[in-house]
ModelCIF file with pLDDT and N, C-alpha, C, O atoms, coordinates in Angstrom:
data_MODEL
#
_entry.id   MODEL 
#
_entity.id                         1 
_entity.type                       polymer 
_entity.pdbx_number_of_molecules   1 
#
_entity_poly.entity_id                      1 
_entity_poly.type                           'polypeptide(L)' 
_entity_poly.nstd_linkage                   no 
_entity_poly.nstd_monomer                   no 
_entity_poly.pdbx_seq_one_letter_code       SFSEGKMTVHLPHDKLCTLIYTEEIGVQDYAENGQE 
_entity_poly.pdbx_seq_one_letter_code_can   SFSEGKMTVHLPHDKLCTLIYTEEIGVQDYAENGQE 
_entity_poly.pdbx_strand_id                 A 
#
loop_
_entity_poly_seq.entity_id 
_entity_poly_seq.num 
_entity_poly_seq.mon_id 
_entity_poly_seq.hetero 
1 1  SER n 
1 2  PHE n 
1 3  SER n 
1 4  GLU n 
1 5  GLY n 
1 6  LYS n 
1 7  MET n 
1 8  THR n 
1 9  VAL n 
1 10 HIS n 
1 11 LEU n 
1 12 PRO n 
1 13 HIS n 
1 14 ASP n 
1 15 LYS n 
1 16 LEU n 
1 17 CYS n 
1 18 THR n 
1 19 LEU n 
1 20 ILE n 
1 21 TYR n 
1 22 THR n 
1 23 GLU n 
1 24 GLU n 
1 25 ILE n 
1 26 GLY n 
1 27 VAL n 
1 28 GLN n 
1 29 ASP n 
1 30 TYR n 
1 31 ALA n 
1 32 GLU n 
1 33 ASN n 
1 34 GLY n 
1 35 GLN n 
1 36 GLU n 
#
_struct_asym.id          A 
_struct_asym.entity_id   1 
#
loop_
_ma_qa_metric.id 
_ma_qa_metric.mode 
_ma_qa_metric.name 
_ma_qa_metric.software_group_id 
_ma_qa_metric.type 
1 global pLDDT . pLDDT 
2 local  pLDDT . pLDDT 
#
_ma_qa_metric_global.metric_id      1 
_ma_qa_metric_global.metric_value   93.53 
_ma_qa_metric_global.model_id       1 
_ma_qa_metric_global.ordinal_id     1 
#
loop_
_ma_qa_metric_local.label_asym_id 
_ma_qa_metric_local.label_comp_id 
_ma_qa_metric_local.label_seq_id 
_ma_qa_metric_local.metric_id 
_ma_qa_metric_local.metric_value 
_ma_qa_metric_local.model_id 
_ma_qa_metric_local.ordinal_id 
A SER 1  2 96.00 1 1  
A PHE 2  2 96.00 1 2  
A SER 3  2 95.00 1 3  
A GLU 4  2 94.00 1 4  
A GLY 5  2 94.00 1 5  
A LYS 6  2 97.00 1 6  
A MET 7  2 97.00 1 7  
A THR 8  2 97.00 1 8  
A VAL 9  2 97.00 1 9  
A HIS 10 2 97.00 1 10 
A LEU 11 2 96.00 1 11 
A PRO 12 2 96.00 1 12 
A HIS 13 2 94.00 1 13 
A ASP 14 2 95.00 1 14 
A LYS 15 2 95.00 1 15 
A LEU 16 2 95.00 1 16 
A CYS 17 2 94.00 1 17 
A THR 18 2 93.00 1 18 
A LEU 19 2 91.00 1 19 
A ILE 20 2 91.00 1 20 
A TYR 21 2 92.00 1 21 
A THR 22 2 89.00 1 22 
A GLU 23 2 85.00 1 23 
A GLU 24 2 88.00 1 24 
A ILE 25 2 83.00 1 25 
A GLY 26 2 90.00 1 26 
A VAL 27 2 95.00 1 27 
A GLN 28 2 95.00 1 28 
A ASP 29 2 96.00 1 29 
A TYR 30 2 96.00 1 30 
A ALA 31 2 95.00 1 31 
A GLU 32 2 93.00 1 32 
A ASN 33 2 94.00 1 33 
A GLY 34 2 92.00 1 34 
A GLN 35 2 92.00 1 35 
A GLU 36 2 92.00 1 36 
#
loop_
_atom_site.group_PDB 
_atom_site.id 
_atom_site.type_symbol 
_atom_site.label_atom_id 
_atom_site.label_alt_id 
_atom_site.label_comp_id 
_atom_site.label_asym_id 
_atom_site.label_entity_id 
_atom_site.label_seq_id 
_atom_site.pdbx_PDB_ins_code 
_atom_site.Cartn_x 
_atom_site.Cartn_y 
_atom_site.Cartn_z 
_atom_site.occupancy 
_atom_site.B_iso_or_equiv 
_atom_site.pdbx_formal_charge 
_atom_site.auth_seq_id 
_atom_site.auth_comp_id 
_atom_site.auth_asym_id 
_atom_site.auth_atom_id 
_atom_site.pdbx_PDB_model_num 
ATOM 1   N N  . SER A 1 1  ? -1.520  19.205 8.754  1.00 96.00 ? 1  SER A N  1 
ATOM 2   C CA . SER A 1 1  ? -1.883  19.949 9.959  1.00 96.00 ? 1  SER A CA 1 
ATOM 3   C C  . SER A 1 1  ? -0.773  20.957 10.251 1.00 96.00 ? 1  SER A C  1 
ATOM 4   O O  . SER A 1 1  ? 0.372   20.772 9.839  1.00 96.00 ? 1  SER A O  1 
ATOM 5   N N  . PHE A 1 2  ? -1.131  22.029 10.968 1.00 96.00 ? 2  PHE A N  1 
ATOM 6   C CA . PHE A 1 2  ? -0.156  23.061 11.304 1.00 96.00 ? 2  PHE A CA 1 
ATOM 7   C C  . PHE A 1 2  ? -0.460  23.599 12.694 1.00 96.00 ? 2  PHE A C  1 
ATOM 8   O O  . PHE A 1 2  ? -1.586  24.005 12.982 1.00 96.00 ? 2  PHE A O  1 
ATOM 9   N N  . SER A 1 3  ? 0.557   23.598 13.554 1.00 95.00 ? 3  SER A N  1 
ATOM 10  C CA . SER A 1 3  ? 0.400   24.113 14.906 1.00 95.00 ? 3  SER A CA 1 
ATOM 11  C C  . SER A 1 3  ? 1.762   24.492 15.469 1.00 95.00 ? 3  SER A C  1 
ATOM 12  O O  . SER A 1 3  ? 2.732   23.745 15.338 1.00 95.00 ? 3  SER A O  1 
ATOM 13  N N  . GLU A 1 4  ? 1.823   25.665 16.098 1.00 94.00 ? 4  GLU A N  1 
ATOM 14  C CA . GLU A 1 4  ? 3.016   26.136 16.780 1.00 94.00 ? 4  GLU A CA 1 
ATOM 15  C C  . GLU A 1 4  ? 4.277   26.022 15.927 1.00 94.00 ? 4  GLU A C  1 
ATOM 16  O O  . GLU A 1 4  ? 5.312   25.546 16.393 1.00 94.00 ? 4  GLU A O  1 
ATOM 17  N N  . GLY A 1 5  ? 4.180   26.457 14.690 1.00 94.00 ? 5  GLY A N  1 
ATOM 18  C CA . GLY A 1 5  ? 5.340   26.476 13.804 1.00 94.00 ? 5  GLY A CA 1 
ATOM 19  C C  . GLY A 1 5  ? 5.704   25.142 13.180 1.00 94.00 ? 5  GLY A C  1 
ATOM 20  O O  . GLY A 1 5  ? 6.738   25.024 12.523 1.00 94.00 ? 5  GLY A O  1 
ATOM 21  N N  . LYS A 1 6  ? 4.864   24.138 13.379 1.00 97.00 ? 6  LYS A N  1 
ATOM 22  C CA . LYS A 1 6  ? 5.144   22.813 12.819 1.00 97.00 ? 6  LYS A CA 1 
ATOM 23  C C  . LYS A 1 6  ? 4.047   22.390 11.849 1.00 97.00 ? 6  LYS A C  1 
ATOM 24  O O  . LYS A 1 6  ? 2.867   22.345 12.198 1.00 97.00 ? 6  LYS A O  1 
ATOM 25  N N  . MET A 1 7  ? 4.466   22.079 10.622 1.00 97.00 ? 7  MET A N  1 
ATOM 26  C CA . MET A 1 7  ? 3.564   21.577 9.601  1.00 97.00 ? 7  MET A CA 1 
ATOM 27  C C  . MET A 1 7  ? 3.815   20.083 9.450  1.00 97.00 ? 7  MET A C  1 
ATOM 28  O O  . MET A 1 7  ? 4.955   19.655 9.272  1.00 97.00 ? 7  MET A O  1 
ATOM 29  N N  . THR A 1 8  ? 2.750   19.291 9.522  1.00 97.00 ? 8  THR A N  1 
ATOM 30  C CA . THR A 1 8  ? 2.870   17.845 9.392  1.00 97.00 ? 8  THR A CA 1 
ATOM 31  C C  . THR A 1 8  ? 2.011   17.374 8.231  1.00 97.00 ? 8  THR A C  1 
ATOM 32  O O  . THR A 1 8  ? 0.813   17.651 8.175  1.00 97.00 ? 8  THR A O  1 
ATOM 33  N N  . VAL A 1 9  ? 2.635   16.661 7.307  1.00 97.00 ? 9  VAL A N  1 
ATOM 34  C CA . VAL A 1 9  ? 1.905   15.996 6.230  1.00 97.00 ? 9  VAL A CA 1 
ATOM 35  C C  . VAL A 1 9  ? 1.729   14.550 6.669  1.00 97.00 ? 9  VAL A C  1 
ATOM 36  O O  . VAL A 1 9  ? 2.702   13.850 6.948  1.00 97.00 ? 9  VAL A O  1 
ATOM 37  N N  . HIS A 1 10 ? 0.474   14.114 6.726  1.00 97.00 ? 10 HIS A N  1 
ATOM 38  C CA . HIS A 1 10 ? 0.123   12.777 7.186  1.00 97.00 ? 10 HIS A CA 1 
ATOM 39  C C  . HIS A 1 10 ? -0.086  11.862 5.977  1.00 97.00 ? 10 HIS A C  1 
ATOM 40  O O  . HIS A 1 10 ? -0.825  12.192 5.049  1.00 97.00 ? 10 HIS A O  1 
ATOM 41  N N  . LEU A 1 11 ? 0.580   10.710 6.013  1.00 96.00 ? 11 LEU A N  1 
ATOM 42  C CA . LEU A 1 11 ? 0.487   9.736  4.921  1.00 96.00 ? 11 LEU A CA 1 
ATOM 43  C C  . LEU A 1 11 ? -0.298  8.510  5.350  1.00 96.00 ? 11 LEU A C  1 
ATOM 44  O O  . LEU A 1 11 ? 0.062   7.865  6.335  1.00 96.00 ? 11 LEU A O  1 
ATOM 45  N N  . PRO A 1 12 ? -1.364  8.172  4.630  1.00 96.00 ? 12 PRO A N  1 
ATOM 46  C CA . PRO A 1 12 ? -2.068  6.926  4.935  1.00 96.00 ? 12 PRO A CA 1 
ATOM 47  C C  . PRO A 1 12 ? -1.227  5.722  4.499  1.00 96.00 ? 12 PRO A C  1 
ATOM 48  O O  . PRO A 1 12 ? -0.266  5.860  3.742  1.00 96.00 ? 12 PRO A O  1 
ATOM 49  N N  . HIS A 1 13 ? -1.596  4.578  4.977  1.00 94.00 ? 13 HIS A N  1 
ATOM 50  C CA . HIS A 1 13 ? -0.830  3.345  4.757  1.00 94.00 ? 13 HIS A CA 1 
ATOM 51  C C  . HIS A 1 13 ? -0.554  3.061  3.281  1.00 94.00 ? 13 HIS A C  1 
ATOM 52  O O  . HIS A 1 13 ? 0.576   2.733  2.921  1.00 94.00 ? 13 HIS A O  1 
ATOM 53  N N  . ASP A 1 14 ? -1.565  3.181  2.423  1.00 95.00 ? 14 ASP A N  1 
ATOM 54  C CA . ASP A 1 14 ? -1.365  2.833  1.011  1.00 95.00 ? 14 ASP A CA 1 
ATOM 55  C C  . ASP A 1 14 ? -0.344  3.754  0.342  1.00 95.00 ? 14 ASP A C  1 
ATOM 56  O O  . ASP A 1 14 ? 0.468   3.289  -0.457 1.00 95.00 ? 14 ASP A O  1 
ATOM 57  N N  . LYS A 1 15 ? -0.372  5.042  0.652  1.00 95.00 ? 15 LYS A N  1 
ATOM 58  C CA . LYS A 1 15 ? 0.584   5.992  0.058  1.00 95.00 ? 15 LYS A CA 1 
ATOM 59  C C  . LYS A 1 15 ? 1.987   5.743  0.616  1.00 95.00 ? 15 LYS A C  1 
ATOM 60  O O  . LYS A 1 15 ? 2.976   5.829  -0.112 1.00 95.00 ? 15 LYS A O  1 
ATOM 61  N N  . LEU A 1 16 ? 2.063   5.439  1.889  1.00 95.00 ? 16 LEU A N  1 
ATOM 62  C CA . LEU A 1 16 ? 3.344   5.127  2.512  1.00 95.00 ? 16 LEU A CA 1 
ATOM 63  C C  . LEU A 1 16 ? 3.989   3.917  1.830  1.00 95.00 ? 16 LEU A C  1 
ATOM 64  O O  . LEU A 1 16 ? 5.171   3.948  1.490  1.00 95.00 ? 16 LEU A O  1 
ATOM 65  N N  . CYS A 1 17 ? 3.221   2.870  1.635  1.00 94.00 ? 17 CYS A N  1 
ATOM 66  C CA . CYS A 1 17 ? 3.734   1.662  0.984  1.00 94.00 ? 17 CYS A CA 1 
ATOM 67  C C  . CYS A 1 17 ? 4.173   1.933  -0.447 1.00 94.00 ? 17 CYS A C  1 
ATOM 68  O O  . CYS A 1 17 ? 5.172   1.378  -0.904 1.00 94.00 ? 17 CYS A O  1 
ATOM 69  N N  . THR A 1 18 ? 3.440   2.778  -1.157 1.00 93.00 ? 18 THR A N  1 
ATOM 70  C CA . THR A 1 18 ? 3.823   3.129  -2.520 1.00 93.00 ? 18 THR A CA 1 
ATOM 71  C C  . THR A 1 18 ? 5.201   3.791  -2.532 1.00 93.00 ? 18 THR A C  1 
ATOM 72  O O  . THR A 1 18 ? 6.045   3.447  -3.360 1.00 93.00 ? 18 THR A O  1 
ATOM 73  N N  . LEU A 1 19 ? 5.432   4.728  -1.631 1.00 91.00 ? 19 LEU A N  1 
ATOM 74  C CA . LEU A 1 19 ? 6.722   5.418  -1.570 1.00 91.00 ? 19 LEU A CA 1 
ATOM 75  C C  . LEU A 1 19 ? 7.860   4.483  -1.181 1.00 91.00 ? 19 LEU A C  1 
ATOM 76  O O  . LEU A 1 19 ? 8.952   4.566  -1.743 1.00 91.00 ? 19 LEU A O  1 
ATOM 77  N N  . ILE A 1 20 ? 7.617   3.610  -0.241 1.00 91.00 ? 20 ILE A N  1 
ATOM 78  C CA . ILE A 1 20 ? 8.678   2.780  0.325  1.00 91.00 ? 20 ILE A CA 1 
ATOM 79  C C  . ILE A 1 20 ? 8.987   1.542  -0.508 1.00 91.00 ? 20 ILE A C  1 
ATOM 80  O O  . ILE A 1 20 ? 10.152  1.186  -0.682 1.00 91.00 ? 20 ILE A O  1 
ATOM 81  N N  . TYR A 1 21 ? 7.957   0.889  -1.020 1.00 92.00 ? 21 TYR A N  1 
ATOM 82  C CA . TYR A 1 21 ? 8.148   -0.439 -1.602 1.00 92.00 ? 21 TYR A CA 1 
ATOM 83  C C  . TYR A 1 21 ? 8.014   -0.517 -3.120 1.00 92.00 ? 21 TYR A C  1 
ATOM 84  O O  . TYR A 1 21 ? 8.122   -1.608 -3.681 1.00 92.00 ? 21 TYR A O  1 
ATOM 85  N N  . THR A 1 22 ? 7.784   0.599  -3.797 1.00 89.00 ? 22 THR A N  1 
ATOM 86  C CA . THR A 1 22 ? 7.655   0.542  -5.250 1.00 89.00 ? 22 THR A CA 1 
ATOM 87  C C  . THR A 1 22 ? 8.640   1.495  -5.919 1.00 89.00 ? 22 THR A C  1 
ATOM 88  O O  . THR A 1 22 ? 9.320   2.275  -5.252 1.00 89.00 ? 22 THR A O  1 
ATOM 89  N N  . GLU A 1 23 ? 8.704   1.422  -7.212 1.00 85.00 ? 23 GLU A N  1 
ATOM 90  C CA . GLU A 1 23 ? 9.561   2.315  -8.000 1.00 85.00 ? 23 GLU A CA 1 
ATOM 91  C C  . GLU A 1 23 ? 8.841   3.621  -8.338 1.00 85.00 ? 23 GLU A C  1 
ATOM 92  O O  . GLU A 1 23 ? 9.420   4.495  -8.984 1.00 85.00 ? 23 GLU A O  1 
ATOM 93  N N  . GLU A 1 24 ? 7.588   3.763  -7.907 1.00 88.00 ? 24 GLU A N  1 
ATOM 94  C CA . GLU A 1 24 ? 6.855   5.006  -8.159 1.00 88.00 ? 24 GLU A CA 1 
ATOM 95  C C  . GLU A 1 24 ? 7.646   6.178  -7.598 1.00 88.00 ? 24 GLU A C  1 
ATOM 96  O O  . GLU A 1 24 ? 8.253   6.071  -6.532 1.00 88.00 ? 24 GLU A O  1 
ATOM 97  N N  . ILE A 1 25 ? 7.640   7.284  -8.307 1.00 83.00 ? 25 ILE A N  1 
ATOM 98  C CA . ILE A 1 25 ? 8.404   8.466  -7.906 1.00 83.00 ? 25 ILE A CA 1 
ATOM 99  C C  . ILE A 1 25 ? 7.706   9.217  -6.778 1.00 83.00 ? 25 ILE A C  1 
ATOM 100 O O  . ILE A 1 25 ? 8.370   9.768  -5.900 1.00 83.00 ? 25 ILE A O  1 
ATOM 101 N N  . GLY A 1 26 ? 6.369   9.245  -6.792 1.00 90.00 ? 26 GLY A N  1 
ATOM 102 C CA . GLY A 1 26 ? 5.696   10.032 -5.768 1.00 90.00 ? 26 GLY A CA 1 
ATOM 103 C C  . GLY A 1 26 ? 4.244   9.661  -5.571 1.00 90.00 ? 26 GLY A C  1 
ATOM 104 O O  . GLY A 1 26 ? 3.675   8.835  -6.284 1.00 90.00 ? 26 GLY A O  1 
ATOM 105 N N  . VAL A 1 27 ? 3.665   10.310 -4.566 1.00 95.00 ? 27 VAL A N  1 
ATOM 106 C CA . VAL A 1 27 ? 2.238   10.166 -4.264 1.00 95.00 ? 27 VAL A CA 1 
ATOM 107 C C  . VAL A 1 27 ? 1.676   11.566 -4.073 1.00 95.00 ? 27 VAL A C  1 
ATOM 108 O O  . VAL A 1 27 ? 2.393   12.485 -3.676 1.00 95.00 ? 27 VAL A O  1 
ATOM 109 N N  . GLN A 1 28 ? 0.398   11.719 -4.356 1.00 95.00 ? 28 GLN A N  1 
ATOM 110 C CA . GLN A 1 28 ? -0.223  13.037 -4.236 1.00 95.00 ? 28 GLN A CA 1 
ATOM 111 C C  . GLN A 1 28 ? -1.680  12.917 -3.840 1.00 95.00 ? 28 GLN A C  1 
ATOM 112 O O  . GLN A 1 28 ? -2.304  11.863 -3.968 1.00 95.00 ? 28 GLN A O  1 
ATOM 113 N N  . ASP A 1 29 ? -2.203  14.037 -3.353 1.00 96.00 ? 29 ASP A N  1 
ATOM 114 C CA . ASP A 1 29 ? -3.600  14.087 -2.956 1.00 96.00 ? 29 ASP A CA 1 
ATOM 115 C C  . ASP A 1 29 ? -3.995  15.544 -2.764 1.00 96.00 ? 29 ASP A C  1 
ATOM 116 O O  . ASP A 1 29 ? -3.142  16.430 -2.726 1.00 96.00 ? 29 ASP A O  1 
ATOM 117 N N  . TYR A 1 30 ? -5.272  15.776 -2.645 1.00 96.00 ? 30 TYR A N  1 
ATOM 118 C CA . TYR A 1 30 ? -5.789  17.094 -2.280 1.00 96.00 ? 30 TYR A CA 1 
ATOM 119 C C  . TYR A 1 30 ? -6.395  16.991 -0.894 1.00 96.00 ? 30 TYR A C  1 
ATOM 120 O O  . TYR A 1 30 ? -7.132  16.051 -0.597 1.00 96.00 ? 30 TYR A O  1 
ATOM 121 N N  . ALA A 1 31 ? -6.084  17.959 -0.047 1.00 95.00 ? 31 ALA A N  1 
ATOM 122 C CA . ALA A 1 31 ? -6.611  17.973 1.313  1.00 95.00 ? 31 ALA A CA 1 
ATOM 123 C C  . ALA A 1 31 ? -7.534  19.169 1.487  1.00 95.00 ? 31 ALA A C  1 
ATOM 124 O O  . ALA A 1 31 ? -7.301  20.239 0.923  1.00 95.00 ? 31 ALA A O  1 
ATOM 125 N N  . GLU A 1 32 ? -8.567  18.975 2.263  1.00 93.00 ? 32 GLU A N  1 
ATOM 126 C CA . GLU A 1 32 ? -9.503  20.058 2.561  1.00 93.00 ? 32 GLU A CA 1 
ATOM 127 C C  . GLU A 1 32 ? -8.797  21.124 3.382  1.00 93.00 ? 32 GLU A C  1 
ATOM 128 O O  . GLU A 1 32 ? -8.155  20.825 4.388  1.00 93.00 ? 32 GLU A O  1 
ATOM 129 N N  . ASN A 1 33 ? -8.923  22.381 2.938  1.00 94.00 ? 33 ASN A N  1 
ATOM 130 C CA . ASN A 1 33 ? -8.330  23.498 3.684  1.00 94.00 ? 33 ASN A CA 1 
ATOM 131 C C  . ASN A 1 33 ? -9.257  24.712 3.763  1.00 94.00 ? 33 ASN A C  1 
ATOM 132 O O  . ASN A 1 33 ? -8.837  25.805 4.141  1.00 94.00 ? 33 ASN A O  1 
ATOM 133 N N  . GLY A 1 34 ? -10.514 24.504 3.402  1.00 92.00 ? 34 GLY A N  1 
ATOM 134 C CA . GLY A 1 34 ? -11.474 25.601 3.443  1.00 92.00 ? 34 GLY A CA 1 
ATOM 135 C C  . GLY A 1 34 ? -11.446 26.493 2.219  1.00 92.00 ? 34 GLY A C  1 
ATOM 136 O O  . GLY A 1 34 ? -12.217 27.449 2.131  1.00 92.00 ? 34 GLY A O  1 
ATOM 137 N N  . GLN A 1 35 ? -10.568 26.196 1.272  1.00 92.00 ? 35 GLN A N  1 
ATOM 138 C CA . GLN A 1 35 ? -10.459 26.972 0.039  1.00 92.00 ? 35 GLN A CA 1 
ATOM 139 C C  . GLN A 1 35 ? -10.928 26.114 -1.132 1.00 92.00 ? 35 GLN A C  1 
ATOM 140 O O  . GLN A 1 35 ? -10.809 24.889 -1.111 1.00 92.00 ? 35 GLN A O  1 
ATOM 141 N N  . GLU A 1 36 ? -11.462 26.780 -2.150 1.00 92.00 ? 36 GLU A N  1 
ATOM 142 C CA . GLU A 1 36 ? -11.864 26.059 -3.342 1.00 92.00 ? 36 GLU A CA 1 
ATOM 143 C C  . GLU A 1 36 ? -10.641 25.373 -3.954 1.00 92.00 ? 36 GLU A C  1 
ATOM 144 O O  . GLU A 1 36 ? -10.758 24.702 -4.980 1.00 92.00 ? 36 GLU A O  1 
#
């Protein structure tokens, strides 16, 4: 989301847990933005 100069990336619970509690390097996803 983006508003008043602030961009926020929102992490769902499963992705958050992957980052915090595993050795996985990262998490990724595609978000709808009105563009192909």
